[in-house]
PDB file of N, CA and C in Angstrom:
ATOM      1  N   MET A   1     -23.374  -0.699   0.946  1.00  0.00           N
ATOM      2  CA  MET A   1     -22.770   0.250   0.065  1.00  0.00           C
ATOM      3  C   MET A   1     -21.288  -0.083  -0.102  1.00  0.00           C
ATOM      4  N   GLU A   2     -20.814   0.028  -1.341  1.00  0.00           N
ATOM      5  CA  GLU A   2     -19.441  -0.277  -1.640  1.00  0.00           C
ATOM      6  C   GLU A   2     -18.737   0.914  -2.256  1.00  0.00           C
ATOM      7  N   ILE A   3     -17.591   1.283  -1.697  1.00  0.00           N
ATOM      8  CA  ILE A   3     -16.783   2.410  -2.135  1.00  0.00           C
ATOM      9  C   ILE A   3     -15.436   1.896  -2.630  1.00  0.00           C
ATOM     10  N   LYS A   4     -15.041   2.327  -3.813  1.00  0.00           N
ATOM     11  CA  LYS A   4     -13.672   1.988  -4.297  1.00  0.00           C
ATOM     12  C   LYS A   4     -12.828   3.223  -4.275  1.00  0.00           C
ATOM     13  N   GLY A   5     -11.573   3.004  -3.997  1.00  0.00           N
ATOM     14  CA  GLY A   5     -10.614   4.113  -3.968  1.00  0.00           C
ATOM     15  C   GLY A   5      -9.198   3.654  -4.095  1.00  0.00           C
ATOM     16  N   ILE A   6      -8.279   4.545  -4.040  1.00  0.00           N
ATOM     17  CA  ILE A   6      -6.823   4.201  -4.139  1.00  0.00           C
ATOM     18  C   ILE A   6      -6.112   4.742  -2.896  1.00  0.00           C
ATOM     19  N   ILE A   7      -5.088   4.021  -2.507  1.00  0.00           N
ATOM     20  CA  ILE A   7      -4.277   4.410  -1.376  1.00  0.00           C
ATOM     21  C   ILE A   7      -3.449   5.658  -1.725  1.00  0.00           C
ATOM     22  N   VAL A   8      -3.516   6.688  -0.884  1.00  0.00           N
ATOM     23  CA  VAL A   8      -2.740   7.869  -1.036  1.00  0.00           C
ATOM     24  C   VAL A   8      -2.030   8.199   0.237  1.00  0.00           C
ATOM     25  N   SER A   9      -0.927   8.994   0.138  1.00  0.00           N
ATOM     26  CA  SER A   9      -0.193   9.416   1.275  1.00  0.00           C
ATOM     27  C   SER A   9      -1.001  10.555   1.967  1.00  0.00           C
ATOM     28  N   GLY A  10      -0.901  10.547   3.299  1.00  0.00           N
ATOM     29  CA  GLY A  10      -1.491  11.614   4.070  1.00  0.00           C
ATOM     30  C   GLY A  10      -0.475  12.571   4.538  1.00  0.00           C
ATOM     31  N   MET A  11      -0.900  13.518   5.416  1.00  0.00           N
ATOM     32  CA  MET A  11       0.027  14.584   5.916  1.00  0.00           C
ATOM     33  C   MET A  11       0.427  14.267   7.354  1.00  0.00           C
ATOM     34  N   GLY A  12       0.058  13.138   7.888  1.00  0.00           N
ATOM     35  CA  GLY A  12       0.465  12.769   9.229  1.00  0.00           C
ATOM     36  C   GLY A  12      -0.425  13.309  10.348  1.00  0.00           C
ATOM     37  N   LYS A  13      -1.456  14.067   9.964  1.00  0.00           N
ATOM     38  CA  LYS A  13      -2.323  14.607  10.991  1.00  0.00           C
ATOM     39  C   LYS A  13      -3.172  13.565  11.679  1.00  0.00           C
ATOM     40  N   GLY A  14      -3.533  12.517  10.966  1.00  0.00           N
ATOM     41  CA  GLY A  14      -4.325  11.420  11.546  1.00  0.00           C
ATOM     42  C   GLY A  14      -3.568  10.753  12.705  1.00  0.00           C
ATOM     43  N   THR A  15      -2.264  10.624  12.541  1.00  0.00           N
ATOM     44  CA  THR A  15      -1.434  10.039  13.579  1.00  0.00           C
ATOM     45  C   THR A  15      -1.492  10.833  14.864  1.00  0.00           C
ATOM     46  N   TYR A  16      -1.408  12.169  14.690  1.00  0.00           N
ATOM     47  CA  TYR A  16      -1.435  13.092  15.873  1.00  0.00           C
ATOM     48  C   TYR A  16      -2.752  12.913  16.609  1.00  0.00           C
ATOM     49  N   PHE A  17      -3.869  12.992  15.904  1.00  0.00           N
ATOM     50  CA  PHE A  17      -5.183  12.959  16.567  1.00  0.00           C
ATOM     51  C   PHE A  17      -5.438  11.558  17.140  1.00  0.00           C
ATOM     52  N   MET A  18      -5.077  10.526  16.401  1.00  0.00           N
ATOM     53  CA  MET A  18      -5.332   9.159  16.912  1.00  0.00           C
ATOM     54  C   MET A  18      -4.468   8.858  18.090  1.00  0.00           C
ATOM     55  N   SER A  19      -3.445   9.593  18.369  1.00  0.00           N
ATOM     56  CA  SER A  19      -2.593   9.350  19.532  1.00  0.00           C
ATOM     57  C   SER A  19      -3.099  10.021  20.806  1.00  0.00           C
ATOM     58  N   GLN A  20      -4.164  10.854  20.657  1.00  0.00           N
ATOM     59  CA  GLN A  20      -4.695  11.577  21.826  1.00  0.00           C
ATOM     60  C   GLN A  20      -5.566  10.643  22.658  1.00  0.00           C
ATOM     61  N   ASP A  21      -5.314  10.674  23.947  1.00  0.00           N
ATOM     62  CA  ASP A  21      -6.072   9.764  24.871  1.00  0.00           C
ATOM     63  C   ASP A  21      -7.582   9.987  24.771  1.00  0.00           C
ATOM     64  N   ILE A  22      -8.005  11.246  24.555  1.00  0.00           N
ATOM     65  CA  ILE A  22      -9.440  11.503  24.470  1.00  0.00           C
ATOM     66  C   ILE A  22     -10.100  10.708  23.349  1.00  0.00           C
ATOM     67  N   TYR A  23      -9.388  10.538  22.259  1.00  0.00           N
ATOM     68  CA  TYR A  23      -9.974   9.778  21.125  1.00  0.00           C
ATOM     69  C   TYR A  23      -9.743   8.259  21.321  1.00  0.00           C
ATOM     70  N   LYS A  24      -8.533   7.899  21.751  1.00  0.00           N
ATOM     71  CA  LYS A  24      -8.217   6.446  21.819  1.00  0.00           C
ATOM     72  C   LYS A  24      -9.265   5.650  22.614  1.00  0.00           C
ATOM     73  N   GLU A  25      -9.588   6.110  23.798  1.00  0.00           N
ATOM     74  CA  GLU A  25     -10.571   5.462  24.638  1.00  0.00           C
ATOM     75  C   GLU A  25     -11.963   5.402  24.088  1.00  0.00           C
ATOM     76  N   LYS A  26     -12.362   6.507  23.514  1.00  0.00           N
ATOM     77  CA  LYS A  26     -13.711   6.582  22.955  1.00  0.00           C
ATOM     78  C   LYS A  26     -13.849   5.735  21.703  1.00  0.00           C
ATOM     79  N   PHE A  27     -12.830   5.695  20.898  1.00  0.00           N
ATOM     80  CA  PHE A  27     -12.911   4.799  19.709  1.00  0.00           C
ATOM     81  C   PHE A  27     -12.942   3.363  20.155  1.00  0.00           C
ATOM     82  N   LYS A  28     -12.160   3.019  21.165  1.00  0.00           N
ATOM     83  CA  LYS A  28     -12.190   1.658  21.706  1.00  0.00           C
ATOM     84  C   LYS A  28     -13.602   1.279  22.178  1.00  0.00           C
ATOM     85  N   GLN A  29     -14.236   2.193  22.873  1.00  0.00           N
ATOM     86  CA  GLN A  29     -15.609   1.911  23.362  1.00  0.00           C
ATOM     87  C   GLN A  29     -16.624   1.720  22.218  1.00  0.00           C
ATOM     88  N   LYS A  30     -16.529   2.571  21.192  1.00  0.00           N
ATOM     89  CA  LYS A  30     -17.467   2.511  20.091  1.00  0.00           C
ATOM     90  C   LYS A  30     -17.195   1.309  19.151  1.00  0.00           C
ATOM     91  N   LEU A  31     -15.911   1.018  18.917  1.00  0.00           N
ATOM     92  CA  LEU A  31     -15.560   0.039  17.942  1.00  0.00           C
ATOM     93  C   LEU A  31     -15.188  -1.350  18.472  1.00  0.00           C
ATOM     94  N   LYS A  32     -14.985  -1.405  19.754  1.00  0.00           N
ATOM     95  CA  LYS A  32     -14.600  -2.689  20.423  1.00  0.00           C
ATOM     96  C   LYS A  32     -13.192  -3.172  20.032  1.00  0.00           C
ATOM     97  N   PHE A  33     -12.358  -2.204  19.620  1.00  0.00           N
ATOM     98  CA  PHE A  33     -10.930  -2.501  19.423  1.00  0.00           C
ATOM     99  C   PHE A  33     -10.137  -1.236  19.638  1.00  0.00           C
ATOM    100  N   LYS A  34      -8.858  -1.390  19.959  1.00  0.00           N
ATOM    101  CA  LYS A  34      -8.004  -0.225  20.119  1.00  0.00           C
ATOM    102  C   LYS A  34      -7.400   0.119  18.779  1.00  0.00           C
ATOM    103  N   PRO A  35      -7.723   1.291  18.205  1.00  0.00           N
ATOM    104  CA  PRO A  35      -7.255   1.597  16.876  1.00  0.00           C
ATOM    105  C   PRO A  35      -5.725   1.867  16.862  1.00  0.00           C
ATOM    106  N   PHE A  36      -5.139   1.450  15.746  1.00  0.00           N
ATOM    107  CA  PHE A  36      -3.710   1.772  15.437  1.00  0.00           C
ATOM    108  C   PHE A  36      -3.632   3.311  15.411  1.00  0.00           C
ATOM    109  N   VAL A  37      -2.513   3.795  15.886  1.00  0.00           N
ATOM    110  CA  VAL A  37      -2.312   5.270  15.912  1.00  0.00           C
ATOM    111  C   VAL A  37      -1.940   5.726  14.502  1.00  0.00           C
ATOM    112  N   GLY A  38      -2.941   5.995  13.723  1.00  0.00           N
ATOM    113  CA  GLY A  38      -2.742   6.505  12.348  1.00  0.00           C
ATOM    114  C   GLY A  38      -4.011   6.156  11.544  1.00  0.00           C
ATOM    115  N   THR A  39      -4.049   6.738  10.354  1.00  0.00           N
ATOM    116  CA  THR A  39      -5.157   6.426   9.448  1.00  0.00           C
ATOM    117  C   THR A  39      -4.646   5.995   8.085  1.00  0.00           C
ATOM    118  N   LEU A  40      -5.439   5.209   7.406  1.00  0.00           N
ATOM    119  CA  LEU A  40      -5.132   4.859   6.072  1.00  0.00           C
ATOM    120  C   LEU A  40      -5.930   5.786   5.144  1.00  0.00           C
ATOM    121  N   ASN A  41      -5.271   6.525   4.293  1.00  0.00           N
ATOM    122  CA  ASN A  41      -5.905   7.523   3.440  1.00  0.00           C
ATOM    123  C   ASN A  41      -6.245   6.896   2.117  1.00  0.00           C
ATOM    124  N   ILE A  42      -7.509   7.072   1.748  1.00  0.00           N
ATOM    125  CA  ILE A  42      -8.053   6.464   0.515  1.00  0.00           C
ATOM    126  C   ILE A  42      -8.663   7.556  -0.347  1.00  0.00           C
ATOM    127  N   GLY A  43      -8.096   7.745  -1.517  1.00  0.00           N
ATOM    128  CA  GLY A  43      -8.608   8.744  -2.451  1.00  0.00           C
ATOM    129  C   GLY A  43      -9.787   8.166  -3.203  1.00  0.00           C
ATOM    130  N   ILE A  44     -10.828   9.016  -3.305  1.00  0.00           N
ATOM    131  CA  ILE A  44     -12.056   8.578  -4.048  1.00  0.00           C
ATOM    132  C   ILE A  44     -12.426   9.580  -5.082  1.00  0.00           C
ATOM    133  N   ASP A  45     -13.215   9.144  -6.079  1.00  0.00           N
ATOM    134  CA  ASP A  45     -13.653  10.036  -7.142  1.00  0.00           C
ATOM    135  C   ASP A  45     -15.030  10.648  -6.804  1.00  0.00           C
ATOM    136  N   VAL A  46     -15.480  11.520  -7.707  1.00  0.00           N
ATOM    137  CA  VAL A  46     -16.729  12.252  -7.458  1.00  0.00           C
ATOM    138  C   VAL A  46     -17.930  11.336  -7.236  1.00  0.00           C
ATOM    139  N   ASN A  47     -18.058  10.242  -7.950  1.00  0.00           N
ATOM    140  CA  ASN A  47     -19.181   9.299  -7.754  1.00  0.00           C
ATOM    141  C   ASN A  47     -19.178   8.712  -6.361  1.00  0.00           C
ATOM    142  N   GLU A  48     -17.975   8.368  -5.840  1.00  0.00           N
ATOM    143  CA  GLU A  48     -17.832   7.798  -4.503  1.00  0.00           C
ATOM    144  C   GLU A  48     -18.157   8.892  -3.457  1.00  0.00           C
ATOM    145  N   ILE A  49     -17.762  10.130  -3.718  1.00  0.00           N
ATOM    146  CA  ILE A  49     -18.073  11.239  -2.806  1.00  0.00           C
ATOM    147  C   ILE A  49     -19.604  11.344  -2.642  1.00  0.00           C
ATOM    148  N   ARG A  50     -20.295  11.240  -3.728  1.00  0.00           N
ATOM    149  CA  ARG A  50     -21.794  11.295  -3.708  1.00  0.00           C
ATOM    150  C   ARG A  50     -22.351  10.171  -2.857  1.00  0.00           C
ATOM    151  N   LEU A  51     -21.796   8.993  -3.004  1.00  0.00           N
ATOM    152  CA  LEU A  51     -22.250   7.815  -2.186  1.00  0.00           C
ATOM    153  C   LEU A  51     -22.049   8.110  -0.666  1.00  0.00           C
ATOM    154  N   ILE A  52     -20.855   8.614  -0.332  1.00  0.00           N
ATOM    155  CA  ILE A  52     -20.553   8.938   1.055  1.00  0.00           C
ATOM    156  C   ILE A  52     -21.531   9.972   1.614  1.00  0.00           C
ATOM    157  N   LYS A  53     -21.774  10.980   0.789  1.00  0.00           N
ATOM    158  CA  LYS A  53     -22.698  12.032   1.229  1.00  0.00           C
ATOM    159  C   LYS A  53     -24.135  11.583   1.351  1.00  0.00           C
ATOM    160  N   SER A  54     -24.425  10.430   0.746  1.00  0.00           N
ATOM    161  CA  SER A  54     -25.829   9.893   0.779  1.00  0.00           C
ATOM    162  C   SER A  54     -26.055   9.057   2.039  1.00  0.00           C
ATOM    163  N   ILE A  55     -25.015   8.787   2.819  1.00  0.00           N
ATOM    164  CA  ILE A  55     -25.199   7.956   4.022  1.00  0.00           C
ATOM    165  C   ILE A  55     -26.106   8.735   4.959  1.00  0.00           C
ATOM    166  N   PRO A  56     -27.183   8.127   5.442  1.00  0.00           N
ATOM    167  CA  PRO A  56     -28.075   8.849   6.389  1.00  0.00           C
ATOM    168  C   PRO A  56     -27.314   9.176   7.685  1.00  0.00           C
ATOM    169  N   GLN A  57     -27.558  10.337   8.238  1.00  0.00           N
ATOM    170  CA  GLN A  57     -26.837  10.813   9.466  1.00  0.00           C
ATOM    171  C   GLN A  57     -27.008   9.821  10.590  1.00  0.00           C
ATOM    172  N   GLY A  58     -28.147   9.102  10.642  1.00  0.00           N
ATOM    173  CA  GLY A  58     -28.395   8.135  11.695  1.00  0.00           C
ATOM    174  C   GLY A  58     -27.445   6.954  11.687  1.00  0.00           C
ATOM    175  N   LYS A  59     -26.718   6.779  10.625  1.00  0.00           N
ATOM    176  CA  LYS A  59     -25.751   5.637  10.515  1.00  0.00           C
ATOM    177  C   LYS A  59     -24.432   5.951  11.143  1.00  0.00           C
ATOM    178  N   PHE A  60     -24.185   7.256  11.415  1.00  0.00           N
ATOM    179  CA  PHE A  60     -22.908   7.671  11.997  1.00  0.00           C
ATOM    180  C   PHE A  60     -22.957   7.613  13.536  1.00  0.00           C
ATOM    181  N   ASP A  61     -21.791   7.228  14.118  1.00  0.00           N
ATOM    182  CA  ASP A  61     -21.556   7.442  15.559  1.00  0.00           C
ATOM    183  C   ASP A  61     -20.776   8.706  15.652  1.00  0.00           C
ATOM    184  N   ILE A  62     -20.782   9.313  16.845  1.00  0.00           N
ATOM    185  CA  ILE A  62     -20.023  10.511  17.093  1.00  0.00           C
ATOM    186  C   ILE A  62     -19.175  10.349  18.321  1.00  0.00           C
ATOM    187  N   ILE A  63     -17.912  10.699  18.190  1.00  0.00           N
ATOM    188  CA  ILE A  63     -16.975  10.793  19.307  1.00  0.00           C
ATOM    189  C   ILE A  63     -16.957  12.261  19.688  1.00  0.00           C
ATOM    190  N   LYS A  64     -17.315  12.552  20.874  1.00  0.00           N
ATOM    191  CA  LYS A  64     -17.374  13.898  21.329  1.00  0.00           C
ATOM    192  C   LYS A  64     -15.968  14.363  21.734  1.00  0.00           C
ATOM    193  N   GLY A  65     -15.559  15.519  21.189  1.00  0.00           N
ATOM    194  CA  GLY A  65     -14.292  16.069  21.491  1.00  0.00           C
ATOM    195  C   GLY A  65     -14.324  16.812  22.844  1.00  0.00           C
ATOM    196  N   GLU A  66     -13.120  17.246  23.263  1.00  0.00           N
ATOM    197  CA  GLU A  66     -13.035  18.016  24.501  1.00  0.00           C
ATOM    198  C   GLU A  66     -11.956  19.075  24.312  1.00  0.00           C
ATOM    199  N   GLY A  67     -12.146  20.218  24.894  1.00  0.00           N
ATOM    200  CA  GLY A  67     -11.185  21.311  24.774  1.00  0.00           C
ATOM    201  C   GLY A  67     -10.950  21.690  23.347  1.00  0.00           C
ATOM    202  N   LYS A  68      -9.663  21.682  22.954  1.00  0.00           N
ATOM    203  CA  LYS A  68      -9.300  22.052  21.613  1.00  0.00           C
ATOM    204  C   LYS A  68      -9.557  20.960  20.556  1.00  0.00           C
ATOM    205  N   PHE A  69      -9.925  19.801  21.038  1.00  0.00           N
ATOM    206  CA  PHE A  69     -10.175  18.664  20.106  1.00  0.00           C
ATOM    207  C   PHE A  69     -11.643  18.565  19.803  1.00  0.00           C
ATOM    208  N   GLY A  70     -11.957  18.575  18.532  1.00  0.00           N
ATOM    209  CA  GLY A  70     -13.335  18.588  18.066  1.00  0.00           C
ATOM    210  C   GLY A  70     -13.938  17.204  17.969  1.00  0.00           C
ATOM    211  N   ASP A  71     -15.213  17.152  17.645  1.00  0.00           N
ATOM    212  CA  ASP A  71     -15.945  15.909  17.466  1.00  0.00           C
ATOM    213  C   ASP A  71     -15.496  15.209  16.236  1.00  0.00           C
ATOM    214  N   VAL A  72     -15.675  13.888  16.224  1.00  0.00           N
ATOM    215  CA  VAL A  72     -15.339  13.093  15.058  1.00  0.00           C
ATOM    216  C   VAL A  72     -16.524  12.169  14.751  1.00  0.00           C
ATOM    217  N   LYS A  73     -17.033  12.235  13.523  1.00  0.00           N
ATOM    218  CA  LYS A  73     -18.073  11.296  13.093  1.00  0.00           C
ATOM    219  C   LYS A  73     -17.399  10.050  12.561  1.00  0.00           C
ATOM    220  N   LEU A  74     -18.044   8.934  12.688  1.00  0.00           N
ATOM    221  CA  LEU A  74     -17.467   7.709  12.153  1.00  0.00           C
ATOM    222  C   LEU A  74     -18.593   6.801  11.693  1.00  0.00           C
ATOM    223  N   VAL A  75     -18.265   5.950  10.717  1.00  0.00           N
ATOM    224  CA  VAL A  75     -19.200   4.921  10.229  1.00  0.00           C
ATOM    225  C   VAL A  75     -18.372   3.671  10.061  1.00  0.00           C
ATOM    226  N   LYS A  76     -18.873   2.577  10.585  1.00  0.00           N
ATOM    227  CA  LYS A  76     -18.167   1.278  10.507  1.00  0.00           C
ATOM    228  C   LYS A  76     -18.097   0.844   9.066  1.00  0.00           C
ATOM    229  N   ALA A  77     -16.945   0.203   8.733  1.00  0.00           N
ATOM    230  CA  ALA A  77     -16.716  -0.246   7.403  1.00  0.00           C
ATOM    231  C   ALA A  77     -15.759  -1.405   7.426  1.00  0.00           C
ATOM    232  N   THR A  78     -15.685  -2.108   6.305  1.00  0.00           N
ATOM    233  CA  THR A  78     -14.768  -3.239   6.136  1.00  0.00           C
ATOM    234  C   THR A  78     -13.916  -2.976   4.909  1.00  0.00           C
ATOM    235  N   LEU A  79     -12.597  -3.132   5.091  1.00  0.00           N
ATOM    236  CA  LEU A  79     -11.656  -2.873   4.010  1.00  0.00           C
ATOM    237  C   LEU A  79     -11.319  -4.222   3.319  1.00  0.00           C
ATOM    238  N   ASN A  80     -11.488  -4.289   1.994  1.00  0.00           N
ATOM    239  CA  ASN A  80     -11.184  -5.418   1.178  1.00  0.00           C
ATOM    240  C   ASN A  80     -11.759  -6.724   1.725  1.00  0.00           C
ATOM    241  N   ASN A  81     -12.949  -6.669   2.276  1.00  0.00           N
ATOM    242  CA  ASN A  81     -13.639  -7.827   2.808  1.00  0.00           C
ATOM    243  C   ASN A  81     -12.888  -8.575   3.878  1.00  0.00           C
ATOM    244  N   GLU A  82     -11.878  -7.921   4.515  1.00  0.00           N
ATOM    245  CA  GLU A  82     -11.127  -8.666   5.515  1.00  0.00           C
ATOM    246  C   GLU A  82     -10.802  -7.880   6.809  1.00  0.00           C
ATOM    247  N   VAL A  83     -10.790  -6.578   6.772  1.00  0.00           N
ATOM    248  CA  VAL A  83     -10.378  -5.787   7.937  1.00  0.00           C
ATOM    249  C   VAL A  83     -11.544  -4.928   8.431  1.00  0.00           C
ATOM    250  N   GLU A  84     -12.015  -5.201   9.648  1.00  0.00           N
ATOM    251  CA  GLU A  84     -13.045  -4.382  10.234  1.00  0.00           C
ATOM    252  C   GLU A  84     -12.447  -3.077  10.782  1.00  0.00           C
ATOM    253  N   GLY A  85     -13.136  -2.001  10.571  1.00  0.00           N
ATOM    254  CA  GLY A  85     -12.666  -0.727  11.054  1.00  0.00           C
ATOM    255  C   GLY A  85     -13.739   0.342  10.899  1.00  0.00           C
ATOM    256  N   ALA A  86     -13.357   1.555  10.647  1.00  0.00           N
ATOM    257  CA  ALA A  86     -14.299   2.651  10.485  1.00  0.00           C
ATOM    258  C   ALA A  86     -13.675   3.753   9.663  1.00  0.00           C
ATOM    259  N   ILE A  87     -14.552   4.468   8.951  1.00  0.00           N
ATOM    260  CA  ILE A  87     -14.155   5.685   8.270  1.00  0.00           C
ATOM    261  C   ILE A  87     -14.440   6.828   9.190  1.00  0.00           C
ATOM    262  N   VAL A  88     -13.433   7.685   9.401  1.00  0.00           N
ATOM    263  CA  VAL A  88     -13.627   8.804  10.351  1.00  0.00           C
ATOM    264  C   VAL A  88     -13.670  10.148   9.615  1.00  0.00           C
ATOM    265  N   PHE A  89     -14.501  11.021  10.158  1.00  0.00           N
ATOM    266  CA  PHE A  89     -14.710  12.349   9.568  1.00  0.00           C
ATOM    267  C   PHE A  89     -14.549  13.402  10.633  1.00  0.00           C
ATOM    268  N   PRO A  90     -13.404  14.039  10.786  1.00  0.00           N
ATOM    269  CA  PRO A  90     -13.245  15.117  11.744  1.00  0.00           C
ATOM    270  C   PRO A  90     -14.223  16.251  11.460  1.00  0.00           C
ATOM    271  N   VAL A  91     -14.969  16.691  12.473  1.00  0.00           N
ATOM    272  CA  VAL A  91     -16.000  17.701  12.282  1.00  0.00           C
ATOM    273  C   VAL A  91     -15.345  19.125  12.216  1.00  0.00           C
ATOM    274  N   LYS A  92     -14.416  19.347  13.118  1.00  0.00           N
ATOM    275  CA  LYS A  92     -13.805  20.673  13.278  1.00  0.00           C
ATOM    276  C   LYS A  92     -12.798  21.024  12.212  1.00  0.00           C
ATOM    277  N   THR A  93     -12.034  20.037  11.783  1.00  0.00           N
ATOM    278  CA  THR A  93     -10.972  20.220  10.853  1.00  0.00           C
ATOM    279  C   THR A  93     -11.551  20.074   9.428  1.00  0.00           C
ATOM    280  N   LYS A  94     -11.260  21.045   8.558  1.00  0.00           N
ATOM    281  CA  LYS A  94     -11.682  20.925   7.151  1.00  0.00           C
ATOM    282  C   LYS A  94     -10.886  19.863   6.483  1.00  0.00           C
ATOM    283  N   HIS A  95     -11.522  18.935   5.927  1.00  0.00           N
ATOM    284  CA  HIS A  95     -10.872  17.802   5.284  1.00  0.00           C
ATOM    285  C   HIS A  95     -11.357  17.644   3.848  1.00  0.00           C
ATOM    286  N   PRO A  96     -10.503  17.353   2.912  1.00  0.00           N
ATOM    287  CA  PRO A  96     -10.994  17.238   1.502  1.00  0.00           C
ATOM    288  C   PRO A  96     -11.987  16.102   1.363  1.00  0.00           C
ATOM    289  N   ASP A  97     -12.971  16.346   0.567  1.00  0.00           N
ATOM    290  CA  ASP A  97     -14.052  15.316   0.341  1.00  0.00           C
ATOM    291  C   ASP A  97     -13.537  14.116  -0.442  1.00  0.00           C
ATOM    292  N   ASP A  98     -12.440  14.292  -1.174  1.00  0.00           N
ATOM    293  CA  ASP A  98     -11.986  13.182  -2.008  1.00  0.00           C
ATOM    294  C   ASP A  98     -10.959  12.258  -1.322  1.00  0.00           C
ATOM    295  N   VAL A  99     -10.750  12.399  -0.006  1.00  0.00           N
ATOM    296  CA  VAL A  99      -9.899  11.499   0.742  1.00  0.00           C
ATOM    297  C   VAL A  99     -10.655  11.048   1.968  1.00  0.00           C
ATOM    298  N   LEU A 100     -10.750   9.704   2.135  1.00  0.00           N
ATOM    299  CA  LEU A 100     -11.364   9.114   3.295  1.00  0.00           C
ATOM    300  C   LEU A 100     -10.236   8.621   4.227  1.00  0.00           C
ATOM    301  N   GLU A 101     -10.493   8.681   5.525  1.00  0.00           N
ATOM    302  CA  GLU A 101      -9.522   8.203   6.527  1.00  0.00           C
ATOM    303  C   GLU A 101     -10.158   6.986   7.149  1.00  0.00           C
ATOM    304  N   PHE A 102      -9.472   5.829   7.019  1.00  0.00           N
ATOM    305  CA  PHE A 102      -9.942   4.556   7.591  1.00  0.00           C
ATOM    306  C   PHE A 102      -9.052   4.177   8.760  1.00  0.00           C
ATOM    307  N   ILE A 103      -9.702   3.792   9.858  1.00  0.00           N
ATOM    308  CA  ILE A 103      -8.951   3.307  11.021  1.00  0.00           C
ATOM    309  C   ILE A 103      -9.271   1.833  11.286  1.00  0.00           C
ATOM    310  N   ALA A 104      -8.255   1.161  11.829  1.00  0.00           N
ATOM    311  CA  ALA A 104      -8.366  -0.264  12.141  1.00  0.00           C
ATOM    312  C   ALA A 104      -7.452  -0.569  13.333  1.00  0.00           C
ATOM    313  N   ALA A 105      -7.414  -1.815  13.763  1.00  0.00           N
ATOM    314  CA  ALA A 105      -6.633  -2.193  14.904  1.00  0.00           C
ATOM    315  C   ALA A 105      -5.148  -2.343  14.590  1.00  0.00           C
ATOM    316  N   LYS A 106      -4.821  -2.451  13.289  1.00  0.00           N
ATOM    317  CA  LYS A 106      -3.399  -2.644  12.952  1.00  0.00           C
ATOM    318  C   LYS A 106      -2.956  -1.647  11.849  1.00  0.00           C
ATOM    319  N   LYS A 107      -1.649  -1.551  11.709  1.00  0.00           N
ATOM    320  CA  LYS A 107      -1.116  -0.723  10.614  1.00  0.00           C
ATOM    321  C   LYS A 107      -1.317  -1.420   9.278  1.00  0.00           C
ATOM    322  N   LEU A 108      -2.256  -0.974   8.512  1.00  0.00           N
ATOM    323  CA  LEU A 108      -2.676  -1.625   7.311  1.00  0.00           C
ATOM    324  C   LEU A 108      -1.648  -1.636   6.162  1.00  0.00           C
ATOM    325  N   ARG A 109      -0.867  -0.565   6.076  1.00  0.00           N
ATOM    326  CA  ARG A 109       0.071  -0.518   4.972  1.00  0.00           C
ATOM    327  C   ARG A 109       1.095  -1.686   5.165  1.00  0.00           C
ATOM    328  N   GLU A 110       1.392  -2.022   6.429  1.00  0.00           N
ATOM    329  CA  GLU A 110       2.335  -3.150   6.660  1.00  0.00           C
ATOM    330  C   GLU A 110       1.622  -4.486   6.610  1.00  0.00           C
ATOM    331  N   SER A 111       0.512  -4.626   7.301  1.00  0.00           N
ATOM    332  CA  SER A 111      -0.091  -5.931   7.422  1.00  0.00           C
ATOM    333  C   SER A 111      -0.726  -6.401   6.078  1.00  0.00           C
ATOM    334  N   LEU A 112      -1.200  -5.477   5.280  1.00  0.00           N
ATOM    335  CA  LEU A 112      -1.783  -5.812   3.968  1.00  0.00           C
ATOM    336  C   LEU A 112      -0.849  -5.486   2.784  1.00  0.00           C
ATOM    337  N   LYS A 113       0.370  -5.017   3.094  1.00  0.00           N
ATOM    338  CA  LYS A 113       1.366  -4.621   2.139  1.00  0.00           C
ATOM    339  C   LYS A 113       0.801  -3.620   1.106  1.00  0.00           C
ATOM    340  N   LEU A 114       0.160  -2.612   1.630  1.00  0.00           N
ATOM    341  CA  LEU A 114      -0.456  -1.612   0.730  1.00  0.00           C
ATOM    342  C   LEU A 114       0.523  -0.500   0.432  1.00  0.00           C
ATOM    343  N   GLU A 115       0.478   0.030  -0.782  1.00  0.00           N
ATOM    344  CA  GLU A 115       1.267   1.118  -1.236  1.00  0.00           C
ATOM    345  C   GLU A 115       0.447   2.185  -1.936  1.00  0.00           C
ATOM    346  N   ASP A 116       0.909   3.415  -2.050  1.00  0.00           N
ATOM    347  CA  ASP A 116       0.203   4.411  -2.776  1.00  0.00           C
ATOM    348  C   ASP A 116      -0.133   3.881  -4.168  1.00  0.00           C
ATOM    349  N   GLY A 117      -1.347   4.124  -4.614  1.00  0.00           N
ATOM    350  CA  GLY A 117      -1.782   3.686  -5.932  1.00  0.00           C
ATOM    351  C   GLY A 117      -2.533   2.335  -5.915  1.00  0.00           C
ATOM    352  N   ASP A 118      -2.465   1.581  -4.816  1.00  0.00           N
ATOM    353  CA  ASP A 118      -3.184   0.314  -4.725  1.00  0.00           C
ATOM    354  C   ASP A 118      -4.686   0.594  -4.645  1.00  0.00           C
ATOM    355  N   ILE A 119      -5.506  -0.198  -5.293  1.00  0.00           N
ATOM    356  CA  ILE A 119      -6.961  -0.041  -5.233  1.00  0.00           C
ATOM    357  C   ILE A 119      -7.506  -0.871  -4.119  1.00  0.00           C
ATOM    358  N   VAL A 120      -8.430  -0.276  -3.375  1.00  0.00           N
ATOM    359  CA  VAL A 120      -9.073  -0.942  -2.228  1.00  0.00           C
ATOM    360  C   VAL A 120     -10.572  -0.729  -2.307  1.00  0.00           C
ATOM    361  N   THR A 121     -11.264  -1.552  -1.585  1.00  0.00           N
ATOM    362  CA  THR A 121     -12.726  -1.460  -1.522  1.00  0.00           C
ATOM    363  C   THR A 121     -13.173  -1.378  -0.062  1.00  0.00           C
ATOM    364  N   LEU A 122     -14.084  -0.459   0.204  1.00  0.00           N
ATOM    365  CA  LEU A 122     -14.736  -0.299   1.519  1.00  0.00           C
ATOM    366  C   LEU A 122     -16.151  -0.721   1.418  1.00  0.00           C
ATOM    367  N   LYS A 123     -16.626  -1.569   2.368  1.00  0.00           N
ATOM    368  CA  LYS A 123     -18.021  -1.846   2.448  1.00  0.00           C
ATOM    369  C   LYS A 123     -18.589  -1.249   3.693  1.00  0.00           C
ATOM    370  N   ILE A 124     -19.654  -0.443   3.523  1.00  0.00           N
ATOM    371  CA  ILE A 124     -20.241   0.231   4.688  1.00  0.00           C
ATOM    372  C   ILE A 124     -21.571  -0.422   4.966  1.00  0.00           C
TER     373      ILE A 124
END
């Protein structure tokens, strides 16, 4: 499955949650890399939202939360055919359907020189 979207600015919440020890270790176990503390936000249109919602539940991994931190669903994906990572879906926090959060081992805005408005492709 291929999803196209554009880079958009986030609100910084991904950085907070990705910096929590409870998530860092569990992501490392599931993904086999230590994720960068932050997410790359990708805006998608209604057709891409339908594709995301059509992913069978069995394709998702789940990071179990603890205490005030909720569960996170994730599905492995590749950004622009070059960066392995995952799309994350916080279960507890209401998140807009038209923005995906992608995590990877490095800060992608710097390493890939991405800016708001740039078009990217995710392969799931």
